[in-house]
Amino acid sequence: MGANDLQQTVTLHRPTKAAAPQGPWTVEAIQALLDKPLMDLLFEAQTVHRQHFPEGDIELATLLSVKTGGCPENCGYCPQSAEFDTGVKAQKLMEVDEVVRAAQAAKDAGATRFCMGAAWRAPKDRDVEKVAVLVEAVKGLGLQTCATLGMLEPHHAHQLKAAGLDYYNHNLDTAPEYYTDVVDTRTYQDRLDTLAHVRSAGISVCCGGIVGMGEQPVHRAGLIAQLANLDPYPESVPINSLVRVPGTPLADSEPVDPFDFVRMIAVARITMPTARVRLSAGRQQMGDAVQALCFMAGANSIFYGDKLLVTGNPDVEADTVLLRKLGLNARRVQEQPEGCAA
């Protein structure tokens, strides 16, 4: 049974941006949603999901680390920080032919979006020039393109847009009040500034956060409030469950309750109804039943492939089997020339 057995062809006339926020959403309103009885919350989220995604398909995205390790940031969850001894060795930026081979393999396996991650605090001009070449090459395969390179200056964002970049990923990670407990080598405003530069360049935004870093419930509500009140809110919202990597400061964090994670997916769906909500890192530890609840809660995108940058992920065959068990179809997008993806 192959990935192609799951795919359906869907032609999308893509909107220019996500819908405006319904709100603004207060932290208190989002906390009230998180506190709802689980079945009521799932029903509400599924209702919103069916209204905006009647096809009920799942977007498959593949993530490749094109420049690994050696990052000067001290994000407490990240095995690629140069400050932590995690066994990850710094590597230079991959060559174009290597990236193209990986992108073609991802496409052959059913992915429609190819995401390239580089462990920089902020790329230099020469770095962006090289990544632009990668973007052009991957775009030439007919895939949607995404990159996460750290903080961007406005001219870098415009350069990547000109190369054909569809999405830029830059997560907020957590609520602003908890942010300095996770990282102190950059500020929350730095992250917001990069998102503004990306928007100004006409690139779609991929932005979410991580659950399970020792945060309190109010911080989870605060994260969703930050995301949902962006104008417009992100077209793609990855919700990650912390992968606890030995050697990182957060390695001993308490695992997130699976139902609390499902609640985060549901509230992301309700507050950002047209976004692709991505069930992201941590799936390998969830099991099929929790993932099924996440899809019920409105998740309609996953990272697809056996690795997320440098941490594990369910393999392609396992995902193929799971989606078939659940009767879910993977999306194959025939893109229209106008606009940007939802």
C-alpha atoms as a PDB file:
ATOM      1  CA  MET A   1       0.000   0.000   0.000  1.00  0.00           C
ATOM      2  CA  GLY A   2       1.646   3.246  -1.135  1.00  0.00           C
ATOM      3  CA  ALA A   3       1.170   6.902  -0.377  1.00  0.00           C
ATOM      4  CA  ASN A   4      -0.361   7.487  -3.805  1.00  0.00           C
ATOM      5  CA  ASP A   5      -3.309   5.276  -2.846  1.00  0.00           C
ATOM      6  CA  LEU A   6      -4.341   7.941  -0.345  1.00  0.00           C
ATOM      7  CA  GLN A   7      -4.166  10.946  -2.582  1.00  0.00           C
ATOM      8  CA  GLN A   8      -6.922  12.883  -4.220  1.00  0.00           C
ATOM      9  CA  THR A   9      -6.469  15.787  -6.602  1.00  0.00           C
ATOM     10  CA  VAL A  10      -8.045  19.016  -5.407  1.00  0.00           C
ATOM     11  CA  THR A  11      -7.859  22.248  -7.360  1.00  0.00           C
ATOM     12  CA  LEU A  12      -7.629  25.257  -5.088  1.00  0.00           C
ATOM     13  CA  HIS A  13      -8.269  28.892  -5.923  1.00  0.00           C
ATOM     14  CA  ARG A  14      -6.030  30.180  -3.221  1.00  0.00           C
ATOM     15  CA  PRO A  15      -6.929  33.243  -1.157  1.00  0.00           C
ATOM     16  CA  THR A  16      -4.431  36.046  -0.842  1.00  0.00           C
ATOM     17  CA  LYS A  17      -4.385  35.836   2.954  1.00  0.00           C
ATOM     18  CA  ALA A  18      -6.052  34.186   5.923  1.00  0.00           C
ATOM     19  CA  ALA A  19      -9.289  35.520   7.328  1.00  0.00           C
ATOM     20  CA  ALA A  20      -9.164  38.401   9.777  1.00  0.00           C
ATOM     21  CA  PRO A  21      -9.277  37.523  13.465  1.00  0.00           C
ATOM     22  CA  GLN A  22     -12.687  37.078  15.109  1.00  0.00           C
ATOM     23  CA  GLY A  23     -12.148  39.185  18.113  1.00  0.00           C
ATOM     24  CA  PRO A  24      -9.750  40.198  19.339  1.00  0.00           C
ATOM     25  CA  TRP A  25      -9.550  36.971  21.311  1.00  0.00           C
ATOM     26  CA  THR A  26      -8.811  37.520  24.965  1.00  0.00           C
ATOM     27  CA  VAL A  27      -6.738  35.106  27.001  1.00  0.00           C
ATOM     28  CA  GLU A  28      -9.796  34.632  29.226  1.00  0.00           C
ATOM     29  CA  ALA A  29     -12.025  33.685  26.283  1.00  0.00           C
ATOM     30  CA  ILE A  30      -9.484  31.171  25.045  1.00  0.00           C
ATOM     31  CA  GLN A  31      -9.028  29.741  28.537  1.00  0.00           C
ATOM     32  CA  ALA A  32     -12.796  29.263  28.696  1.00  0.00           C
ATOM     33  CA  LEU A  33     -12.615  27.242  25.496  1.00  0.00           C
ATOM     34  CA  LEU A  34      -9.738  25.144  26.839  1.00  0.00           C
ATOM     35  CA  ASP A  35     -11.762  24.456  29.996  1.00  0.00           C
ATOM     36  CA  LYS A  36     -14.847  23.182  28.159  1.00  0.00           C
ATOM     37  CA  PRO A  37     -15.880  19.543  28.570  1.00  0.00           C
ATOM     38  CA  LEU A  38     -13.766  17.679  26.052  1.00  0.00           C
ATOM     39  CA  MET A  39     -16.646  16.242  24.027  1.00  0.00           C
ATOM     40  CA  ASP A  40     -18.297  19.662  23.734  1.00  0.00           C
ATOM     41  CA  LEU A  41     -15.008  21.221  22.669  1.00  0.00           C
ATOM     42  CA  LEU A  42     -14.391  18.524  20.059  1.00  0.00           C
ATOM     43  CA  PHE A  43     -17.910  18.936  18.682  1.00  0.00           C
ATOM     44  CA  GLU A  44     -17.450  22.691  18.335  1.00  0.00           C
ATOM     45  CA  ALA A  45     -14.022  22.306  16.708  1.00  0.00           C
ATOM     46  CA  GLN A  46     -15.228  19.638  14.306  1.00  0.00           C
ATOM     47  CA  THR A  47     -18.195  21.795  13.336  1.00  0.00           C
ATOM     48  CA  VAL A  48     -15.886  24.712  12.504  1.00  0.00           C
ATOM     49  CA  HIS A  49     -13.533  22.365  10.688  1.00  0.00           C
ATOM     50  CA  ARG A  50     -16.231  20.890   8.440  1.00  0.00           C
ATOM     51  CA  GLN A  51     -17.522  24.345   7.601  1.00  0.00           C
ATOM     52  CA  HIS A  52     -14.149  25.551   6.320  1.00  0.00           C
ATOM     53  CA  PHE A  53     -12.624  22.270   5.100  1.00  0.00           C
ATOM     54  CA  PRO A  54     -15.505  20.197   3.718  1.00  0.00           C
ATOM     55  CA  GLU A  55     -13.071  17.970   1.800  1.00  0.00           C
ATOM     56  CA  GLY A  56     -11.651  16.774   5.119  1.00  0.00           C
ATOM     57  CA  ASP A  57      -8.235  16.143   3.578  1.00  0.00           C
ATOM     58  CA  ILE A  58      -4.824  16.091   5.237  1.00  0.00           C
ATOM     59  CA  GLU A  59      -1.911  18.146   3.967  1.00  0.00           C
ATOM     60  CA  LEU A  60       1.390  16.264   3.913  1.00  0.00           C
ATOM     61  CA  ALA A  61       4.507  18.381   4.436  1.00  0.00           C
ATOM     62  CA  THR A  62       8.094  17.164   4.610  1.00  0.00           C
ATOM     63  CA  LEU A  63      10.764  18.961   6.644  1.00  0.00           C
ATOM     64  CA  LEU A  64      14.478  18.789   5.838  1.00  0.00           C
ATOM     65  CA  SER A  65      17.321  20.268   7.853  1.00  0.00           C
ATOM     66  CA  VAL A  66      19.413  21.901   5.133  1.00  0.00           C
ATOM     67  CA  LYS A  67      21.886  23.386   7.623  1.00  0.00           C
ATOM     68  CA  THR A  68      22.169  21.519  10.911  1.00  0.00           C
ATOM     69  CA  GLY A  69      23.525  22.475  14.340  1.00  0.00           C
ATOM     70  CA  GLY A  70      25.804  25.195  15.643  1.00  0.00           C
ATOM     71  CA  CYS A  71      23.022  27.687  16.350  1.00  0.00           C
ATOM     72  CA  PRO A  72      24.062  30.469  18.796  1.00  0.00           C
ATOM     73  CA  GLU A  73      20.545  30.719  20.281  1.00  0.00           C
ATOM     74  CA  ASN A  74      19.779  29.021  23.611  1.00  0.00           C
ATOM     75  CA  CYS A  75      16.202  27.862  23.011  1.00  0.00           C
ATOM     76  CA  GLY A  76      15.716  25.355  25.829  1.00  0.00           C
ATOM     77  CA  TYR A  77      13.975  22.775  23.656  1.00  0.00           C
ATOM     78  CA  CYS A  78      16.406  22.740  20.743  1.00  0.00           C
ATOM     79  CA  PRO A  79      19.093  20.081  20.210  1.00  0.00           C
ATOM     80  CA  GLN A  80      20.738  22.268  17.551  1.00  0.00           C
ATOM     81  CA  SER A  81      21.892  24.945  19.992  1.00  0.00           C
ATOM     82  CA  ALA A  82      25.674  25.222  20.226  1.00  0.00           C
ATOM     83  CA  GLU A  83      25.254  25.757  23.986  1.00  0.00           C
ATOM     84  CA  PHE A  84      23.941  22.252  24.649  1.00  0.00           C
ATOM     85  CA  ASP A  85      25.688  18.883  24.394  1.00  0.00           C
ATOM     86  CA  THR A  86      23.109  16.822  22.518  1.00  0.00           C
ATOM     87  CA  GLY A  87      25.315  14.919  20.100  1.00  0.00           C
ATOM     88  CA  VAL A  88      24.201  17.039  17.135  1.00  0.00           C
ATOM     89  CA  LYS A  89      27.203  18.033  15.036  1.00  0.00           C
ATOM     90  CA  ALA A  90      27.262  21.296  13.126  1.00  0.00           C
ATOM     91  CA  GLN A  91      27.054  20.849   9.363  1.00  0.00           C
ATOM     92  CA  LYS A  92      27.270  23.287   6.484  1.00  0.00           C
ATOM     93  CA  LEU A  93      24.415  24.156   4.142  1.00  0.00           C
ATOM     94  CA  MET A  94      23.495  21.264   1.866  1.00  0.00           C
ATOM     95  CA  GLU A  95      24.221  21.381  -1.845  1.00  0.00           C
ATOM     96  CA  VAL A  96      21.405  22.051  -4.298  1.00  0.00           C
ATOM     97  CA  ASP A  97      21.435  18.564  -5.812  1.00  0.00           C
ATOM     98  CA  GLU A  98      21.138  16.946  -2.357  1.00  0.00           C
ATOM     99  CA  VAL A  99      18.125  19.082  -1.490  1.00  0.00           C
ATOM    100  CA  VAL A 100      16.480  18.449  -4.861  1.00  0.00           C
ATOM    101  CA  ARG A 101      16.862  14.685  -4.418  1.00  0.00           C
ATOM    102  CA  ALA A 102      15.251  14.893  -0.982  1.00  0.00           C
ATOM    103  CA  ALA A 103      12.444  17.090  -2.287  1.00  0.00           C
ATOM    104  CA  GLN A 104      11.749  14.756  -5.210  1.00  0.00           C
ATOM    105  CA  ALA A 105      11.634  11.788  -2.821  1.00  0.00           C
ATOM    106  CA  ALA A 106       9.183  13.680  -0.604  1.00  0.00           C
ATOM    107  CA  LYS A 107       7.002  14.474  -3.608  1.00  0.00           C
ATOM    108  CA  ASP A 108       7.116  10.861  -4.769  1.00  0.00           C
ATOM    109  CA  ALA A 109       5.988   9.788  -1.279  1.00  0.00           C
ATOM    110  CA  GLY A 110       2.981  12.131  -1.454  1.00  0.00           C
ATOM    111  CA  ALA A 111       4.109  15.389   0.151  1.00  0.00           C
ATOM    112  CA  THR A 112       2.830  18.630  -1.373  1.00  0.00           C
ATOM    113  CA  ARG A 113       4.887  21.058   0.725  1.00  0.00           C
ATOM    114  CA  PHE A 114       8.637  20.922   1.278  1.00  0.00           C
ATOM    115  CA  CYS A 115      10.048  22.808   4.244  1.00  0.00           C
ATOM    116  CA  MET A 116      13.734  23.678   4.598  1.00  0.00           C
ATOM    117  CA  GLY A 117      15.163  24.458   8.024  1.00  0.00           C
ATOM    118  CA  ALA A 118      18.531  26.041   8.753  1.00  0.00           C
ATOM    119  CA  ALA A 119      19.955  26.487  12.246  1.00  0.00           C
ATOM    120  CA  TRP A 120      20.840  30.166  12.115  1.00  0.00           C
ATOM    121  CA  ARG A 121      20.028  32.952  14.530  1.00  0.00           C
ATOM    122  CA  ALA A 122      19.644  35.223  11.507  1.00  0.00           C
ATOM    123  CA  PRO A 123      20.990  34.455   8.028  1.00  0.00           C
ATOM    124  CA  LYS A 124      23.534  36.704   6.353  1.00  0.00           C
ATOM    125  CA  ASP A 125      23.063  38.084   2.859  1.00  0.00           C
ATOM    126  CA  ARG A 126      25.176  35.287   1.370  1.00  0.00           C
ATOM    127  CA  ASP A 127      23.122  32.676   3.236  1.00  0.00           C
ATOM    128  CA  VAL A 128      19.854  34.009   1.871  1.00  0.00           C
ATOM    129  CA  GLU A 129      21.304  34.038  -1.646  1.00  0.00           C
ATOM    130  CA  LYS A 130      22.093  30.319  -1.322  1.00  0.00           C
ATOM    131  CA  VAL A 131      18.712  29.464   0.172  1.00  0.00           C
ATOM    132  CA  ALA A 132      17.000  31.375  -2.639  1.00  0.00           C
ATOM    133  CA  VAL A 133      18.647  28.989  -5.095  1.00  0.00           C
ATOM    134  CA  LEU A 134      17.291  26.042  -3.079  1.00  0.00           C
ATOM    135  CA  VAL A 135      13.810  27.554  -3.067  1.00  0.00           C
ATOM    136  CA  GLU A 136      13.870  28.015  -6.839  1.00  0.00           C
ATOM    137  CA  ALA A 137      14.998  24.432  -7.360  1.00  0.00           C
ATOM    138  CA  VAL A 138      12.342  22.927  -5.087  1.00  0.00           C
ATOM    139  CA  LYS A 139       9.652  25.175  -6.551  1.00  0.00           C
ATOM    140  CA  GLY A 140      10.631  23.838  -9.956  1.00  0.00           C
ATOM    141  CA  LEU A 141       9.499  20.380  -8.864  1.00  0.00           C
ATOM    142  CA  GLY A 142       5.945  21.641  -8.410  1.00  0.00           C
ATOM    143  CA  LEU A 143       6.026  21.627  -4.612  1.00  0.00           C
ATOM    144  CA  GLN A 144       4.936  24.357  -2.252  1.00  0.00           C
ATOM    145  CA  THR A 145       8.015  25.775  -0.557  1.00  0.00           C
ATOM    146  CA  CYS A 146       8.599  26.732   3.064  1.00  0.00           C
ATOM    147  CA  ALA A 147      11.707  27.840   4.929  1.00  0.00           C
ATOM    148  CA  THR A 148      12.683  28.491   8.526  1.00  0.00           C
ATOM    149  CA  LEU A 149      15.999  30.304   8.826  1.00  0.00           C
ATOM    150  CA  GLY A 150      15.706  32.369  12.002  1.00  0.00           C
ATOM    151  CA  MET A 151      15.158  36.120  12.118  1.00  0.00           C
ATOM    152  CA  LEU A 152      14.787  37.896   8.774  1.00  0.00           C
ATOM    153  CA  GLU A 153      15.469  41.447   7.663  1.00  0.00           C
ATOM    154  CA  PRO A 154      12.928  42.987   5.252  1.00  0.00           C
ATOM    155  CA  HIS A 155      15.211  42.695   2.222  1.00  0.00           C
ATOM    156  CA  HIS A 156      15.799  39.009   2.971  1.00  0.00           C
ATOM    157  CA  ALA A 157      12.075  38.345   3.015  1.00  0.00           C
ATOM    158  CA  HIS A 158      11.635  40.092  -0.340  1.00  0.00           C
ATOM    159  CA  GLN A 159      14.543  38.133  -1.797  1.00  0.00           C
ATOM    160  CA  LEU A 160      12.987  34.837  -0.724  1.00  0.00           C
ATOM    161  CA  LYS A 161       9.615  35.899  -2.100  1.00  0.00           C
ATOM    162  CA  ALA A 162      11.222  36.659  -5.457  1.00  0.00           C
ATOM    163  CA  ALA A 163      12.749  33.168  -5.450  1.00  0.00           C
ATOM    164  CA  GLY A 164       9.284  31.654  -5.102  1.00  0.00           C
ATOM    165  CA  LEU A 165       8.977  31.015  -1.360  1.00  0.00           C
ATOM    166  CA  ASP A 166       5.370  30.282  -0.435  1.00  0.00           C
ATOM    167  CA  TYR A 167       5.643  30.055   3.374  1.00  0.00           C
ATOM    168  CA  TYR A 168       8.006  31.190   6.088  1.00  0.00           C
ATOM    169  CA  ASN A 169       7.965  29.369   9.423  1.00  0.00           C
ATOM    170  CA  HIS A 170       8.794  31.343  12.545  1.00  0.00           C
ATOM    171  CA  ASN A 171       7.101  30.024  15.687  1.00  0.00           C
ATOM    172  CA  LEU A 172       6.192  32.138  18.694  1.00  0.00           C
ATOM    173  CA  ASP A 173       6.835  29.052  20.852  1.00  0.00           C
ATOM    174  CA  THR A 174       4.805  30.145  23.893  1.00  0.00           C
ATOM    175  CA  ALA A 175       3.059  33.105  25.536  1.00  0.00           C
ATOM    176  CA  PRO A 176       5.098  36.311  25.885  1.00  0.00           C
ATOM    177  CA  GLU A 177       4.984  36.043  29.687  1.00  0.00           C
ATOM    178  CA  TYR A 178       6.730  32.656  29.630  1.00  0.00           C
ATOM    179  CA  TYR A 179       9.080  33.281  26.747  1.00  0.00           C
ATOM    180  CA  THR A 180      12.160  34.227  28.762  1.00  0.00           C
ATOM    181  CA  ASP A 181      11.869  30.922  30.652  1.00  0.00           C
ATOM    182  CA  VAL A 182      12.547  29.185  27.337  1.00  0.00           C
ATOM    183  CA  VAL A 183      15.044  31.453  25.545  1.00  0.00           C
ATOM    184  CA  ASP A 184      16.813  34.710  26.348  1.00  0.00           C
ATOM    185  CA  THR A 185      19.065  35.218  23.323  1.00  0.00           C
ATOM    186  CA  ARG A 186      16.258  36.953  21.441  1.00  0.00           C
ATOM    187  CA  THR A 187      13.061  38.729  22.439  1.00  0.00           C
ATOM    188  CA  TYR A 188       9.428  38.023  21.710  1.00  0.00           C
ATOM    189  CA  GLN A 189       9.329  41.254  19.735  1.00  0.00           C
ATOM    190  CA  ASP A 190      12.154  39.931  17.542  1.00  0.00           C
ATOM    191  CA  ARG A 191       9.854  37.093  16.536  1.00  0.00           C
ATOM    192  CA  LEU A 192       6.937  39.415  15.863  1.00  0.00           C
ATOM    193  CA  ASP A 193       9.173  41.682  13.780  1.00  0.00           C
ATOM    194  CA  THR A 194      10.242  38.776  11.556  1.00  0.00           C
ATOM    195  CA  LEU A 195       6.596  37.803  11.044  1.00  0.00           C
ATOM    196  CA  ALA A 196       5.834  41.395  10.034  1.00  0.00           C
ATOM    197  CA  HIS A 197       8.698  41.392   7.506  1.00  0.00           C
ATOM    198  CA  VAL A 198       7.427  38.120   6.036  1.00  0.00           C
ATOM    199  CA  ARG A 199       3.902  39.500   5.705  1.00  0.00           C
ATOM    200  CA  SER A 200       5.132  42.698   4.102  1.00  0.00           C
ATOM    201  CA  ALA A 201       6.968  40.678   1.467  1.00  0.00           C
ATOM    202  CA  GLY A 202       3.782  38.795   0.563  1.00  0.00           C
ATOM    203  CA  ILE A 203       4.892  35.426   1.933  1.00  0.00           C
ATOM    204  CA  SER A 204       2.360  33.288   3.792  1.00  0.00           C
ATOM    205  CA  VAL A 205       3.031  32.727   7.483  1.00  0.00           C
ATOM    206  CA  CYS A 206       3.563  29.384   9.211  1.00  0.00           C
ATOM    207  CA  CYS A 207       3.587  30.086  12.948  1.00  0.00           C
ATOM    208  CA  GLY A 208       2.659  28.069  16.015  1.00  0.00           C
ATOM    209  CA  GLY A 209       4.140  26.920  19.285  1.00  0.00           C
ATOM    210  CA  ILE A 210       5.190  24.136  21.611  1.00  0.00           C
ATOM    211  CA  VAL A 211       3.252  22.510  24.436  1.00  0.00           C
ATOM    212  CA  GLY A 212       4.947  20.742  27.339  1.00  0.00           C
ATOM    213  CA  MET A 213       7.794  23.125  28.192  1.00  0.00           C
ATOM    214  CA  GLY A 214       6.710  23.548  31.811  1.00  0.00           C
ATOM    215  CA  GLU A 215       4.236  26.295  30.979  1.00  0.00           C
ATOM    216  CA  GLN A 216       0.986  26.842  32.891  1.00  0.00           C
ATOM    217  CA  PRO A 217      -2.489  26.611  31.299  1.00  0.00           C
ATOM    218  CA  VAL A 218      -2.681  30.404  31.116  1.00  0.00           C
ATOM    219  CA  HIS A 219       0.467  30.420  28.982  1.00  0.00           C
ATOM    220  CA  ARG A 220      -1.117  27.986  26.538  1.00  0.00           C
ATOM    221  CA  ALA A 221      -4.133  30.256  26.289  1.00  0.00           C
ATOM    222  CA  GLY A 222      -1.776  33.210  25.865  1.00  0.00           C
ATOM    223  CA  LEU A 223       0.013  31.510  22.966  1.00  0.00           C
ATOM    224  CA  ILE A 224      -3.245  30.886  21.108  1.00  0.00           C
ATOM    225  CA  ALA A 225      -4.322  34.485  21.788  1.00  0.00           C
ATOM    226  CA  GLN A 226      -1.092  35.790  20.259  1.00  0.00           C
ATOM    227  CA  LEU A 227      -1.522  33.636  17.159  1.00  0.00           C
ATOM    228  CA  ALA A 228      -5.244  34.232  16.673  1.00  0.00           C
ATOM    229  CA  ASN A 229      -4.910  38.006  17.069  1.00  0.00           C
ATOM    230  CA  LEU A 230      -2.244  38.380  14.393  1.00  0.00           C
ATOM    231  CA  ASP A 231      -3.829  40.296  11.515  1.00  0.00           C
ATOM    232  CA  PRO A 232      -4.243  38.161   9.556  1.00  0.00           C
ATOM    233  CA  TYR A 233      -3.667  35.038  11.586  1.00  0.00           C
ATOM    234  CA  PRO A 234      -1.214  32.472  10.160  1.00  0.00           C
ATOM    235  CA  GLU A 235      -2.233  30.374   7.184  1.00  0.00           C
ATOM    236  CA  SER A 236      -0.419  27.434   8.768  1.00  0.00           C
ATOM    237  CA  VAL A 237      -0.344  26.774  12.534  1.00  0.00           C
ATOM    238  CA  PRO A 238       1.947  23.969  13.765  1.00  0.00           C
ATOM    239  CA  ILE A 239       1.146  22.767  17.287  1.00  0.00           C
ATOM    240  CA  ASN A 240       4.115  20.845  18.689  1.00  0.00           C
ATOM    241  CA  SER A 241       4.347  18.523  21.660  1.00  0.00           C
ATOM    242  CA  LEU A 242       7.806  18.926  23.158  1.00  0.00           C
ATOM    243  CA  VAL A 243      10.260  16.233  22.108  1.00  0.00           C
ATOM    244  CA  ARG A 244      12.440  15.956  25.216  1.00  0.00           C
ATOM    245  CA  VAL A 245      16.013  15.675  23.946  1.00  0.00           C
ATOM    246  CA  PRO A 246      18.757  14.672  26.425  1.00  0.00           C
ATOM    247  CA  GLY A 247      21.215  17.491  26.903  1.00  0.00           C
ATOM    248  CA  THR A 248      18.670  20.290  26.486  1.00  0.00           C
ATOM    249  CA  PRO A 249      17.443  22.262  29.523  1.00  0.00           C
ATOM    250  CA  LEU A 250      13.887  21.004  28.967  1.00  0.00           C
ATOM    251  CA  ALA A 251      14.842  17.329  28.734  1.00  0.00           C
ATOM    252  CA  ASP A 252      13.230  16.553  32.099  1.00  0.00           C
ATOM    253  CA  SER A 253       9.972  18.420  31.517  1.00  0.00           C
ATOM    254  CA  GLU A 254       6.781  16.622  32.466  1.00  0.00           C
ATOM    255  CA  PRO A 255       5.088  15.110  29.417  1.00  0.00           C
ATOM    256  CA  VAL A 256       1.989  17.005  28.346  1.00  0.00           C
ATOM    257  CA  ASP A 257      -1.322  15.302  29.076  1.00  0.00           C
ATOM    258  CA  PRO A 258      -2.554  13.965  25.721  1.00  0.00           C
ATOM    259  CA  PHE A 259      -6.043  15.380  26.243  1.00  0.00           C
ATOM    260  CA  ASP A 260      -4.572  18.811  26.978  1.00  0.00           C
ATOM    261  CA  PHE A 261      -2.716  18.586  23.683  1.00  0.00           C
ATOM    262  CA  VAL A 262      -5.931  17.661  21.859  1.00  0.00           C
ATOM    263  CA  ARG A 263      -7.570  20.692  23.469  1.00  0.00           C
ATOM    264  CA  MET A 264      -4.861  22.944  22.031  1.00  0.00           C
ATOM    265  CA  ILE A 265      -5.531  21.596  18.545  1.00  0.00           C
ATOM    266  CA  ALA A 266      -9.275  22.148  18.973  1.00  0.00           C
ATOM    267  CA  VAL A 267      -8.905  25.720  20.219  1.00  0.00           C
ATOM    268  CA  ALA A 268      -6.469  26.540  17.410  1.00  0.00           C
ATOM    269  CA  ARG A 269      -9.086  25.320  14.957  1.00  0.00           C
ATOM    270  CA  ILE A 270     -11.902  27.339  16.536  1.00  0.00           C
ATOM    271  CA  THR A 271      -9.919  30.578  16.790  1.00  0.00           C
ATOM    272  CA  MET A 272      -8.200  30.280  13.384  1.00  0.00           C
ATOM    273  CA  PRO A 273     -10.862  28.545  11.311  1.00  0.00           C
ATOM    274  CA  THR A 274      -9.291  28.765   7.845  1.00  0.00           C
ATOM    275  CA  ALA A 275      -5.728  27.906   8.897  1.00  0.00           C
ATOM    276  CA  ARG A 276      -4.079  24.595   8.227  1.00  0.00           C
ATOM    277  CA  VAL A 277      -3.555  23.363  11.791  1.00  0.00           C
ATOM    278  CA  ARG A 278      -0.547  21.072  11.739  1.00  0.00           C
ATOM    279  CA  LEU A 279      -0.191  18.145  14.104  1.00  0.00           C
ATOM    280  CA  SER A 280       3.545  18.603  14.332  1.00  0.00           C
ATOM    281  CA  ALA A 281       6.415  17.414  16.567  1.00  0.00           C
ATOM    282  CA  GLY A 282       5.798  14.708  19.144  1.00  0.00           C
ATOM    283  CA  ARG A 283       3.541  12.464  17.061  1.00  0.00           C
ATOM    284  CA  GLN A 284       5.873   9.538  17.526  1.00  0.00           C
ATOM    285  CA  GLN A 285       5.014   9.484  21.233  1.00  0.00           C
ATOM    286  CA  MET A 286       1.257  10.003  20.817  1.00  0.00           C
ATOM    287  CA  GLY A 287       0.043   6.766  19.333  1.00  0.00           C
ATOM    288  CA  ASP A 288      -2.742   6.333  16.802  1.00  0.00           C
ATOM    289  CA  ALA A 289      -5.666   7.024  19.151  1.00  0.00           C
ATOM    290  CA  VAL A 290      -4.438  10.458  20.279  1.00  0.00           C
ATOM    291  CA  GLN A 291      -3.590  11.424  16.710  1.00  0.00           C
ATOM    292  CA  ALA A 292      -7.099  10.405  15.672  1.00  0.00           C
ATOM    293  CA  LEU A 293      -8.527  12.721  18.341  1.00  0.00           C
ATOM    294  CA  CYS A 294      -6.316  15.516  17.023  1.00  0.00           C
ATOM    295  CA  PHE A 295      -7.731  15.043  13.528  1.00  0.00           C
ATOM    296  CA  MET A 296     -11.206  15.065  15.062  1.00  0.00           C
ATOM    297  CA  ALA A 297     -10.267  18.330  16.782  1.00  0.00           C
ATOM    298  CA  GLY A 298      -9.413  19.950  13.447  1.00  0.00           C
ATOM    299  CA  ALA A 299      -5.798  19.108  12.654  1.00  0.00           C
ATOM    300  CA  ASN A 300      -5.482  18.814   8.883  1.00  0.00           C
ATOM    301  CA  SER A 301      -1.754  18.871   8.249  1.00  0.00           C
ATOM    302  CA  ILE A 302       1.145  16.692   9.377  1.00  0.00           C
ATOM    303  CA  PHE A 303       4.873  16.540   8.864  1.00  0.00           C
ATOM    304  CA  TYR A 304       5.463  13.481   6.741  1.00  0.00           C
ATOM    305  CA  GLY A 305       8.721  11.539   6.803  1.00  0.00           C
ATOM    306  CA  ASP A 306      10.901   9.773   9.351  1.00  0.00           C
ATOM    307  CA  LYS A 307      12.677  12.863  10.718  1.00  0.00           C
ATOM    308  CA  LEU A 308      11.834  16.407  11.827  1.00  0.00           C
ATOM    309  CA  LEU A 309      15.104  18.293  11.470  1.00  0.00           C
ATOM    310  CA  VAL A 310      17.070  16.095  13.907  1.00  0.00           C
ATOM    311  CA  THR A 311      14.327  14.364  15.928  1.00  0.00           C
ATOM    312  CA  GLY A 312      12.233  11.307  15.085  1.00  0.00           C
ATOM    313  CA  ASN A 313       8.841  11.189  13.379  1.00  0.00           C
ATOM    314  CA  PRO A 314       6.525   8.313  12.369  1.00  0.00           C
ATOM    315  CA  ASP A 315       7.654   6.778   9.100  1.00  0.00           C
ATOM    316  CA  VAL A 316       5.745   7.179   5.853  1.00  0.00           C
ATOM    317  CA  GLU A 317       4.258   3.685   5.938  1.00  0.00           C
ATOM    318  CA  ALA A 318       2.943   4.170   9.483  1.00  0.00           C
ATOM    319  CA  ASP A 319       1.232   7.408   8.445  1.00  0.00           C
ATOM    320  CA  THR A 320      -0.158   5.804   5.310  1.00  0.00           C
ATOM    321  CA  VAL A 321      -1.691   3.018   7.379  1.00  0.00           C
ATOM    322  CA  LEU A 322      -3.085   5.422   9.982  1.00  0.00           C
ATOM    323  CA  LEU A 323      -4.731   7.715   7.448  1.00  0.00           C
ATOM    324  CA  ARG A 324      -6.275   4.732   5.698  1.00  0.00           C
ATOM    325  CA  LYS A 325      -7.605   3.362   8.987  1.00  0.00           C
ATOM    326  CA  LEU A 326      -9.250   6.698   9.669  1.00  0.00           C
ATOM    327  CA  GLY A 327     -10.598   7.071   6.138  1.00  0.00           C
ATOM    328  CA  LEU A 328      -8.653  10.301   5.595  1.00  0.00           C
ATOM    329  CA  ASN A 329      -7.321  11.390   2.216  1.00  0.00           C
ATOM    330  CA  ALA A 330      -4.058  13.174   1.581  1.00  0.00           C
ATOM    331  CA  ARG A 331      -4.232  16.321  -0.474  1.00  0.00           C
ATOM    332  CA  ARG A 332      -2.473  16.729  -3.779  1.00  0.00           C
ATOM    333  CA  VAL A 333      -2.726  20.384  -4.721  1.00  0.00           C
ATOM    334  CA  GLN A 334      -2.855  21.702  -8.257  1.00  0.00           C
ATOM    335  CA  GLU A 335      -1.901  25.281  -7.549  1.00  0.00           C
ATOM    336  CA  GLN A 336      -3.440  28.265  -9.257  1.00  0.00           C
ATOM    337  CA  PRO A 337      -1.088  31.068 -10.302  1.00  0.00           C
ATOM    338  CA  GLU A 338      -2.763  33.773  -8.242  1.00  0.00           C
ATOM    339  CA  GLY A 339      -2.530  34.325  -4.506  1.00  0.00           C
ATOM    340  CA  CYS A 340      -0.962  32.210  -1.805  1.00  0.00           C
ATOM    341  CA  ALA A 341      -1.960  29.017  -0.047  1.00  0.00           C
ATOM    342  CA  ALA A 342      -4.381  28.734   2.833  1.00  0.00           C
END
